[in-house]
Amino acid sequence: MSGEDSTRLARARIEFREAEGISERELARRTWLSEATIRTFERGRGDLPTPTVARTFEELLGWAPGSIKTAPSEAMGRDASADSAVDLE
């Protein structure tokens, strides 16, 4: 994500909050994200959100799915079968 993309996304979220008249706390509650996450991405520092955070922002802003570049998820590198295995003994 370029600095320009990050700034555009940050501006869009801030404009959304202002239009709705809501705080970072309320936005965090509505999106199930932390206030720290909201602040991080409203600063527009060029950080890439995880896929889950990106999809949440796309839904919130009414942007097309996949329009926000994402950072690789840590979970994507793990063996899914190990995560879902349950020891019944």
PDB file of N, CA and C in Angstrom:
ATOM      1  N   MET A   1       0.861  -1.163   0.000  1.00  0.00           N
ATOM      2  CA  MET A   1       0.000   0.000   0.000  1.00  0.00           C
ATOM      3  C   MET A   1       0.901   1.217   0.000  1.00  0.00           C
ATOM      4  N   SER A   2       0.668   2.075  -0.917  1.00  0.00           N
ATOM      5  CA  SER A   2       1.477   3.279  -0.958  1.00  0.00           C
ATOM      6  C   SER A   2       1.019   4.247   0.120  1.00  0.00           C
ATOM      7  N   GLY A   3       1.862   5.209   0.406  1.00  0.00           N
ATOM      8  CA  GLY A   3       1.489   6.227   1.378  1.00  0.00           C
ATOM      9  C   GLY A   3       0.225   6.955   0.959  1.00  0.00           C
ATOM     10  N   GLU A   4       0.064   7.158  -0.341  1.00  0.00           N
ATOM     11  CA  GLU A   4      -1.132   7.825  -0.862  1.00  0.00           C
ATOM     12  C   GLU A   4      -2.387   6.992  -0.593  1.00  0.00           C
ATOM     13  N   ASP A   5      -2.303   5.656  -0.827  1.00  0.00           N
ATOM     14  CA  ASP A   5      -3.434   4.768  -0.558  1.00  0.00           C
ATOM     15  C   ASP A   5      -3.791   4.781   0.922  1.00  0.00           C
ATOM     16  N   SER A   6      -2.772   4.724   1.763  1.00  0.00           N
ATOM     17  CA  SER A   6      -2.974   4.714   3.199  1.00  0.00           C
ATOM     18  C   SER A   6      -3.636   6.014   3.658  1.00  0.00           C
ATOM     19  N   THR A   7      -3.190   7.126   3.124  1.00  0.00           N
ATOM     20  CA  THR A   7      -3.766   8.428   3.465  1.00  0.00           C
ATOM     21  C   THR A   7      -5.217   8.516   3.004  1.00  0.00           C
ATOM     22  N   ARG A   8      -5.490   8.017   1.814  1.00  0.00           N
ATOM     23  CA  ARG A   8      -6.863   8.033   1.275  1.00  0.00           C
ATOM     24  C   ARG A   8      -7.796   7.209   2.158  1.00  0.00           C
ATOM     25  N   LEU A   9      -7.340   6.043   2.563  1.00  0.00           N
ATOM     26  CA  LEU A   9      -8.134   5.168   3.417  1.00  0.00           C
ATOM     27  C   LEU A   9      -8.344   5.802   4.795  1.00  0.00           C
ATOM     28  N   ALA A  10      -7.305   6.373   5.353  1.00  0.00           N
ATOM     29  CA  ALA A  10      -7.426   7.039   6.657  1.00  0.00           C
ATOM     30  C   ALA A  10      -8.429   8.182   6.570  1.00  0.00           C
ATOM     31  N   ARG A  11      -8.327   8.975   5.533  1.00  0.00           N
ATOM     32  CA  ARG A  11      -9.232  10.115   5.346  1.00  0.00           C
ATOM     33  C   ARG A  11     -10.682   9.626   5.217  1.00  0.00           C
ATOM     34  N   ALA A  12     -10.881   8.534   4.477  1.00  0.00           N
ATOM     35  CA  ALA A  12     -12.228   7.994   4.285  1.00  0.00           C
ATOM     36  C   ALA A  12     -12.844   7.555   5.612  1.00  0.00           C
ATOM     37  N   ARG A  13     -12.049   6.912   6.460  1.00  0.00           N
ATOM     38  CA  ARG A  13     -12.577   6.477   7.758  1.00  0.00           C
ATOM     39  C   ARG A  13     -12.899   7.665   8.647  1.00  0.00           C
ATOM     40  N   ILE A  14     -12.027   8.658   8.654  1.00  0.00           N
ATOM     41  CA  ILE A  14     -12.268   9.853   9.466  1.00  0.00           C
ATOM     42  C   ILE A  14     -13.522  10.580   8.971  1.00  0.00           C
ATOM     43  N   GLU A  15     -13.667  10.713   7.666  1.00  0.00           N
ATOM     44  CA  GLU A  15     -14.846  11.362   7.102  1.00  0.00           C
ATOM     45  C   GLU A  15     -16.112  10.580   7.451  1.00  0.00           C
ATOM     46  N   PHE A  16     -16.019   9.247   7.432  1.00  0.00           N
ATOM     47  CA  PHE A  16     -17.159   8.421   7.813  1.00  0.00           C
ATOM     48  C   PHE A  16     -17.552   8.699   9.262  1.00  0.00           C
ATOM     49  N   ARG A  17     -16.557   8.702  10.149  1.00  0.00           N
ATOM     50  CA  ARG A  17     -16.839   8.950  11.570  1.00  0.00           C
ATOM     51  C   ARG A  17     -17.465  10.319  11.772  1.00  0.00           C
ATOM     52  N   GLU A  18     -16.925  11.331  11.080  1.00  0.00           N
ATOM     53  CA  GLU A  18     -17.456  12.684  11.220  1.00  0.00           C
ATOM     54  C   GLU A  18     -18.882  12.775  10.685  1.00  0.00           C
ATOM     55  N   ALA A  19     -19.141  12.139   9.553  1.00  0.00           N
ATOM     56  CA  ALA A  19     -20.483  12.155   8.966  1.00  0.00           C
ATOM     57  C   ALA A  19     -21.499  11.464   9.874  1.00  0.00           C
ATOM     58  N   GLU A  20     -21.066  10.404  10.531  1.00  0.00           N
ATOM     59  CA  GLU A  20     -21.934   9.664  11.439  1.00  0.00           C
ATOM     60  C   GLU A  20     -21.988  10.309  12.824  1.00  0.00           C
ATOM     61  N   GLY A  21     -21.048  11.211  13.095  1.00  0.00           N
ATOM     62  CA  GLY A  21     -20.974  11.852  14.403  1.00  0.00           C
ATOM     63  C   GLY A  21     -20.597  10.869  15.505  1.00  0.00           C
ATOM     64  N   ILE A  22     -19.659   9.960  15.182  1.00  0.00           N
ATOM     65  CA  ILE A  22     -19.271   8.940  16.157  1.00  0.00           C
ATOM     66  C   ILE A  22     -17.787   9.046  16.507  1.00  0.00           C
ATOM     67  N   SER A  23     -17.455   8.517  17.655  1.00  0.00           N
ATOM     68  CA  SER A  23     -16.078   8.529  18.142  1.00  0.00           C
ATOM     69  C   SER A  23     -15.332   7.287  17.663  1.00  0.00           C
ATOM     70  N   GLU A  24     -14.026   7.291  17.926  1.00  0.00           N
ATOM     71  CA  GLU A  24     -13.228   6.088  17.646  1.00  0.00           C
ATOM     72  C   GLU A  24     -13.796   4.906  18.418  1.00  0.00           C
ATOM     73  N   ARG A  25     -14.190   5.155  19.653  1.00  0.00           N
ATOM     74  CA  ARG A  25     -14.746   4.086  20.498  1.00  0.00           C
ATOM     75  C   ARG A  25     -16.006   3.481  19.868  1.00  0.00           C
ATOM     76  N   GLU A  26     -16.904   4.340  19.376  1.00  0.00           N
ATOM     77  CA  GLU A  26     -18.138   3.852  18.757  1.00  0.00           C
ATOM     78  C   GLU A  26     -17.834   3.108  17.460  1.00  0.00           C
ATOM     79  N   LEU A  27     -16.898   3.618  16.678  1.00  0.00           N
ATOM     80  CA  LEU A  27     -16.519   2.918  15.451  1.00  0.00           C
ATOM     81  C   LEU A  27     -15.932   1.551  15.787  1.00  0.00           C
ATOM     82  N   ALA A  28     -15.123   1.491  16.808  1.00  0.00           N
ATOM     83  CA  ALA A  28     -14.549   0.215  17.240  1.00  0.00           C
ATOM     84  C   ALA A  28     -15.661  -0.749  17.655  1.00  0.00           C
ATOM     85  N   ARG A  29     -16.633  -0.256  18.382  1.00  0.00           N
ATOM     86  CA  ARG A  29     -17.748  -1.106  18.817  1.00  0.00           C
ATOM     87  C   ARG A  29     -18.549  -1.623  17.622  1.00  0.00           C
ATOM     88  N   ARG A  30     -18.817  -0.747  16.662  1.00  0.00           N
ATOM     89  CA  ARG A  30     -19.602  -1.140  15.482  1.00  0.00           C
ATOM     90  C   ARG A  30     -18.879  -2.158  14.605  1.00  0.00           C
ATOM     91  N   THR A  31     -17.569  -2.055  14.548  1.00  0.00           N
ATOM     92  CA  THR A  31     -16.803  -2.930  13.648  1.00  0.00           C
ATOM     93  C   THR A  31     -16.175  -4.122  14.354  1.00  0.00           C
ATOM     94  N   TRP A  32     -16.274  -4.179  15.669  1.00  0.00           N
ATOM     95  CA  TRP A  32     -15.654  -5.242  16.468  1.00  0.00           C
ATOM     96  C   TRP A  32     -14.140  -5.176  16.395  1.00  0.00           C
ATOM     97  N   LEU A  33     -13.594  -4.012  16.090  1.00  0.00           N
ATOM     98  CA  LEU A  33     -12.150  -3.798  16.084  1.00  0.00           C
ATOM     99  C   LEU A  33     -11.783  -3.017  17.338  1.00  0.00           C
ATOM    100  N   SER A  34     -10.517  -3.054  17.710  1.00  0.00           N
ATOM    101  CA  SER A  34     -10.089  -2.299  18.889  1.00  0.00           C
ATOM    102  C   SER A  34      -9.916  -0.823  18.536  1.00  0.00           C
ATOM    103  N   GLU A  35      -9.982   0.018  19.560  1.00  0.00           N
ATOM    104  CA  GLU A  35      -9.729   1.439  19.344  1.00  0.00           C
ATOM    105  C   GLU A  35      -8.303   1.648  18.849  1.00  0.00           C
ATOM    106  N   ALA A  36      -7.368   0.837  19.334  1.00  0.00           N
ATOM    107  CA  ALA A  36      -5.973   0.938  18.885  1.00  0.00           C
ATOM    108  C   ALA A  36      -5.876   0.651  17.387  1.00  0.00           C
ATOM    109  N   THR A  37      -6.632  -0.319  16.915  1.00  0.00           N
ATOM    110  CA  THR A  37      -6.633  -0.634  15.476  1.00  0.00           C
ATOM    111  C   THR A  37      -7.182   0.542  14.688  1.00  0.00           C
ATOM    112  N   ILE A  38      -8.277   1.108  15.153  1.00  0.00           N
ATOM    113  CA  ILE A  38      -8.869   2.272  14.470  1.00  0.00           C
ATOM    114  C   ILE A  38      -7.855   3.407  14.413  1.00  0.00           C
ATOM    115  N   ARG A  39      -7.219   3.722  15.549  1.00  0.00           N
ATOM    116  CA  ARG A  39      -6.231   4.813  15.583  1.00  0.00           C
ATOM    117  C   ARG A  39      -5.050   4.524  14.658  1.00  0.00           C
ATOM    118  N   THR A  40      -4.560   3.290  14.671  1.00  0.00           N
ATOM    119  CA  THR A  40      -3.417   2.925  13.829  1.00  0.00           C
ATOM    120  C   THR A  40      -3.704   3.227  12.364  1.00  0.00           C
ATOM    121  N   PHE A  41      -4.870   2.832  11.889  1.00  0.00           N
ATOM    122  CA  PHE A  41      -5.163   3.002  10.480  1.00  0.00           C
ATOM    123  C   PHE A  41      -5.720   4.370  10.133  1.00  0.00           C
ATOM    124  N   GLU A  42      -6.174   5.133  11.112  1.00  0.00           N
ATOM    125  CA  GLU A  42      -6.590   6.508  10.829  1.00  0.00           C
ATOM    126  C   GLU A  42      -5.384   7.436  10.742  1.00  0.00           C
ATOM    127  N   ARG A  43      -4.249   7.000  11.227  1.00  0.00           N
ATOM    128  CA  ARG A  43      -3.035   7.821  11.120  1.00  0.00           C
ATOM    129  C   ARG A  43      -2.447   7.760   9.714  1.00  0.00           C
ATOM    130  N   GLY A  44      -2.834   6.753   8.932  1.00  0.00           N
ATOM    131  CA  GLY A  44      -2.385   6.669   7.547  1.00  0.00           C
ATOM    132  C   GLY A  44      -0.890   6.525   7.384  1.00  0.00           C
ATOM    133  N   ARG A  45      -0.262   5.700   8.231  1.00  0.00           N
ATOM    134  CA  ARG A  45       1.198   5.559   8.198  1.00  0.00           C
ATOM    135  C   ARG A  45       1.683   4.595   7.126  1.00  0.00           C
ATOM    136  N   GLY A  46       0.782   4.010   6.381  1.00  0.00           N
ATOM    137  CA  GLY A  46       1.193   3.068   5.352  1.00  0.00           C
ATOM    138  C   GLY A  46       1.150   1.626   5.811  1.00  0.00           C
ATOM    139  N   ASP A  47       0.679   1.389   7.058  1.00  0.00           N
ATOM    140  CA  ASP A  47       0.559   0.021   7.553  1.00  0.00           C
ATOM    141  C   ASP A  47      -0.512  -0.718   6.761  1.00  0.00           C
ATOM    142  N   LEU A  48      -0.242  -1.968   6.419  1.00  0.00           N
ATOM    143  CA  LEU A  48      -1.227  -2.790   5.737  1.00  0.00           C
ATOM    144  C   LEU A  48      -2.094  -3.503   6.768  1.00  0.00           C
ATOM    145  N   PRO A  49      -3.408  -3.446   6.617  1.00  0.00           N
ATOM    146  CA  PRO A  49      -4.270  -4.165   7.547  1.00  0.00           C
ATOM    147  C   PRO A  49      -4.271  -5.659   7.232  1.00  0.00           C
ATOM    148  N   THR A  50      -4.656  -6.461   8.204  1.00  0.00           N
ATOM    149  CA  THR A  50      -4.848  -7.887   7.943  1.00  0.00           C
ATOM    150  C   THR A  50      -6.067  -8.031   7.040  1.00  0.00           C
ATOM    151  N   PRO A  51      -6.233  -9.176   6.391  1.00  0.00           N
ATOM    152  CA  PRO A  51      -7.405  -9.358   5.528  1.00  0.00           C
ATOM    153  C   PRO A  51      -8.730  -9.112   6.252  1.00  0.00           C
ATOM    154  N   THR A  52      -8.840  -9.555   7.497  1.00  0.00           N
ATOM    155  CA  THR A  52     -10.083  -9.373   8.248  1.00  0.00           C
ATOM    156  C   THR A  52     -10.368  -7.896   8.487  1.00  0.00           C
ATOM    157  N   VAL A  53      -9.364  -7.137   8.887  1.00  0.00           N
ATOM    158  CA  VAL A  53      -9.536  -5.703   9.132  1.00  0.00           C
ATOM    159  C   VAL A  53      -9.864  -4.993   7.812  1.00  0.00           C
ATOM    160  N   ALA A  54      -9.182  -5.360   6.743  1.00  0.00           N
ATOM    161  CA  ALA A  54      -9.441  -4.736   5.441  1.00  0.00           C
ATOM    162  C   ALA A  54     -10.884  -4.970   5.006  1.00  0.00           C
ATOM    163  N   ARG A  55     -11.389  -6.203   5.153  1.00  0.00           N
ATOM    164  CA  ARG A  55     -12.772  -6.501   4.758  1.00  0.00           C
ATOM    165  C   ARG A  55     -13.758  -5.704   5.609  1.00  0.00           C
ATOM    166  N   THR A  56     -13.446  -5.548   6.888  1.00  0.00           N
ATOM    167  CA  THR A  56     -14.314  -4.765   7.778  1.00  0.00           C
ATOM    168  C   THR A  56     -14.384  -3.324   7.307  1.00  0.00           C
ATOM    169  N   PHE A  57     -13.232  -2.735   6.970  1.00  0.00           N
ATOM    170  CA  PHE A  57     -13.210  -1.356   6.489  1.00  0.00           C
ATOM    171  C   PHE A  57     -13.920  -1.227   5.141  1.00  0.00           C
ATOM    172  N   GLU A  58     -13.742  -2.199   4.253  1.00  0.00           N
ATOM    173  CA  GLU A  58     -14.423  -2.151   2.950  1.00  0.00           C
ATOM    174  C   GLU A  58     -15.942  -2.170   3.131  1.00  0.00           C
ATOM    175  N   GLU A  59     -16.426  -3.033   4.012  1.00  0.00           N
ATOM    176  CA  GLU A  59     -17.867  -3.091   4.273  1.00  0.00           C
ATOM    177  C   GLU A  59     -18.365  -1.782   4.872  1.00  0.00           C
ATOM    178  N   LEU A  60     -17.624  -1.264   5.833  1.00  0.00           N
ATOM    179  CA  LEU A  60     -17.995  -0.026   6.501  1.00  0.00           C
ATOM    180  C   LEU A  60     -18.100   1.134   5.516  1.00  0.00           C
ATOM    181  N   LEU A  61     -17.098   1.243   4.631  1.00  0.00           N
ATOM    182  CA  LEU A  61     -17.025   2.364   3.705  1.00  0.00           C
ATOM    183  C   LEU A  61     -17.794   2.140   2.408  1.00  0.00           C
ATOM    184  N   GLY A  62     -18.294   0.908   2.211  1.00  0.00           N
ATOM    185  CA  GLY A  62     -19.014   0.603   0.979  1.00  0.00           C
ATOM    186  C   GLY A  62     -18.097   0.437  -0.221  1.00  0.00           C
ATOM    187  N   TRP A  63     -16.848   0.065   0.037  1.00  0.00           N
ATOM    188  CA  TRP A  63     -15.882  -0.145  -1.042  1.00  0.00           C
ATOM    189  C   TRP A  63     -15.960  -1.587  -1.530  1.00  0.00           C
ATOM    190  N   ALA A  64     -15.533  -1.812  -2.737  1.00  0.00           N
ATOM    191  CA  ALA A  64     -15.557  -3.149  -3.332  1.00  0.00           C
ATOM    192  C   ALA A  64     -14.632  -4.104  -2.567  1.00  0.00           C
ATOM    193  N   PRO A  65     -15.053  -5.359  -2.400  1.00  0.00           N
ATOM    194  CA  PRO A  65     -14.181  -6.346  -1.752  1.00  0.00           C
ATOM    195  C   PRO A  65     -12.848  -6.462  -2.495  1.00  0.00           C
ATOM    196  N   GLY A  66     -11.773  -6.488  -1.747  1.00  0.00           N
ATOM    197  CA  GLY A  66     -10.445  -6.595  -2.339  1.00  0.00           C
ATOM    198  C   GLY A  66      -9.828  -5.269  -2.742  1.00  0.00           C
ATOM    199  N   SER A  67     -10.520  -4.162  -2.479  1.00  0.00           N
ATOM    200  CA  SER A  67      -9.993  -2.856  -2.893  1.00  0.00           C
ATOM    201  C   SER A  67      -8.913  -2.330  -1.952  1.00  0.00           C
ATOM    202  N   ILE A  68      -8.785  -2.944  -0.770  1.00  0.00           N
ATOM    203  CA  ILE A  68      -7.747  -2.547   0.173  1.00  0.00           C
ATOM    204  C   ILE A  68      -6.682  -3.625   0.202  1.00  0.00           C
ATOM    205  N   LYS A  69      -5.445  -3.239  -0.089  1.00  0.00           N
ATOM    206  CA  LYS A  69      -4.342  -4.201  -0.027  1.00  0.00           C
ATOM    207  C   LYS A  69      -4.153  -4.644   1.413  1.00  0.00           C
ATOM    208  N   THR A  70      -3.729  -5.894   1.588  1.00  0.00           N
ATOM    209  CA  THR A  70      -3.607  -6.440   2.940  1.00  0.00           C
ATOM    210  C   THR A  70      -2.233  -7.032   3.206  1.00  0.00           C
ATOM    211  N   ALA A  71      -1.911  -7.119   4.495  1.00  0.00           N
ATOM    212  CA  ALA A  71      -0.686  -7.789   4.947  1.00  0.00           C
ATOM    213  C   ALA A  71      -0.978  -9.289   5.008  1.00  0.00           C
ATOM    214  N   PRO A  72       0.033 -10.103   4.808  1.00  0.00           N
ATOM    215  CA  PRO A  72      -0.191 -11.539   4.948  1.00  0.00           C
ATOM    216  C   PRO A  72      -0.616 -11.862   6.369  1.00  0.00           C
ATOM    217  N   SER A  73      -1.594 -12.723   6.492  1.00  0.00           N
ATOM    218  CA  SER A  73      -2.076 -13.126   7.809  1.00  0.00           C
ATOM    219  C   SER A  73      -1.152 -14.183   8.382  1.00  0.00           C
ATOM    220  N   GLU A  74      -0.853 -14.086   9.677  1.00  0.00           N
ATOM    221  CA  GLU A  74      -0.016 -15.088  10.330  1.00  0.00           C
ATOM    222  C   GLU A  74      -0.676 -16.452  10.258  1.00  0.00           C
ATOM    223  N   ALA A  75      -1.990 -16.470  10.338  1.00  0.00           N
ATOM    224  CA  ALA A  75      -2.712 -17.744  10.329  1.00  0.00           C
ATOM    225  C   ALA A  75      -2.599 -18.450   8.982  1.00  0.00           C
ATOM    226  N   MET A  76      -2.347 -17.710   7.935  1.00  0.00           N
ATOM    227  CA  MET A  76      -2.272 -18.312   6.606  1.00  0.00           C
ATOM    228  C   MET A  76      -1.071 -19.241   6.485  1.00  0.00           C
ATOM    229  N   GLY A  77      -0.044 -19.016   7.277  1.00  0.00           N
ATOM    230  CA  GLY A  77       1.153 -19.828   7.188  1.00  0.00           C
ATOM    231  C   GLY A  77       1.112 -21.081   8.045  1.00  0.00           C
ATOM    232  N   ARG A  78       0.103 -21.177   8.912  1.00  0.00           N
ATOM    233  CA  ARG A  78       0.015 -22.320   9.803  1.00  0.00           C
ATOM    234  C   ARG A  78      -0.771 -23.444   9.161  1.00  0.00           C
ATOM    235  N   ASP A  79      -0.554 -24.646   9.653  1.00  0.00           N
ATOM    236  CA  ASP A  79      -1.263 -25.825   9.184  1.00  0.00           C
ATOM    237  C   ASP A  79      -2.681 -25.794   9.743  1.00  0.00           C
ATOM    238  N   ALA A  80      -3.682 -25.666   8.883  1.00  0.00           N
ATOM    239  CA  ALA A  80      -5.068 -25.562   9.313  1.00  0.00           C
ATOM    240  C   ALA A  80      -5.519 -26.805  10.072  1.00  0.00           C
ATOM    241  N   SER A  81      -5.022 -27.965   9.683  1.00  0.00           N
ATOM    242  CA  SER A  81      -5.452 -29.188  10.360  1.00  0.00           C
ATOM    243  C   SER A  81      -4.971 -29.200  11.809  1.00  0.00           C
ATOM    244  N   ALA A  82      -3.825 -28.609  12.092  1.00  0.00           N
ATOM    245  CA  ALA A  82      -3.321 -28.549  13.464  1.00  0.00           C
ATOM    246  C   ALA A  82      -4.196 -27.630  14.310  1.00  0.00           C
ATOM    247  N   ASP A  83      -4.735 -26.568  13.709  1.00  0.00           N
ATOM    248  CA  ASP A  83      -5.596 -25.656  14.439  1.00  0.00           C
ATOM    249  C   ASP A  83      -6.941 -26.282  14.768  1.00  0.00           C
ATOM    250  N   SER A  84      -7.432 -27.154  13.903  1.00  0.00           N
ATOM    251  CA  SER A  84      -8.750 -27.712  14.088  1.00  0.00           C
ATOM    252  C   SER A  84      -8.748 -29.059  14.782  1.00  0.00           C
ATOM    253  N   ALA A  85      -7.569 -29.620  15.014  1.00  0.00           N
ATOM    254  CA  ALA A  85      -7.493 -30.929  15.660  1.00  0.00           C
ATOM    255  C   ALA A  85      -7.935 -30.834  17.114  1.00  0.00           C
ATOM    256  N   VAL A  86      -8.752 -31.796  17.527  1.00  0.00           N
ATOM    257  CA  VAL A  86      -9.235 -31.819  18.892  1.00  0.00           C
ATOM    258  C   VAL A  86      -8.878 -33.165  19.504  1.00  0.00           C
ATOM    259  N   ASP A  87      -8.273 -33.118  20.659  1.00  0.00           N
ATOM    260  CA  ASP A  87      -7.904 -34.340  21.363  1.00  0.00           C
ATOM    261  C   ASP A  87      -9.067 -34.724  22.262  1.00  0.00           C
ATOM    262  N   LEU A  88      -9.748 -35.802  21.922  1.00  0.00           N
ATOM    263  CA  LEU A  88     -10.934 -36.219  22.669  1.00  0.00           C
ATOM    264  C   LEU A  88     -10.629 -37.129  23.841  1.00  0.00           C
ATOM    265  N   GLU A  89      -9.383 -37.430  24.080  1.00  0.00           N
ATOM    266  CA  GLU A  89      -9.020 -38.324  25.187  1.00  0.00           C
ATOM    267  C   GLU A  89      -9.001 -37.612  26.498  1.00  0.00           C
TER     268      GLU A  89
END
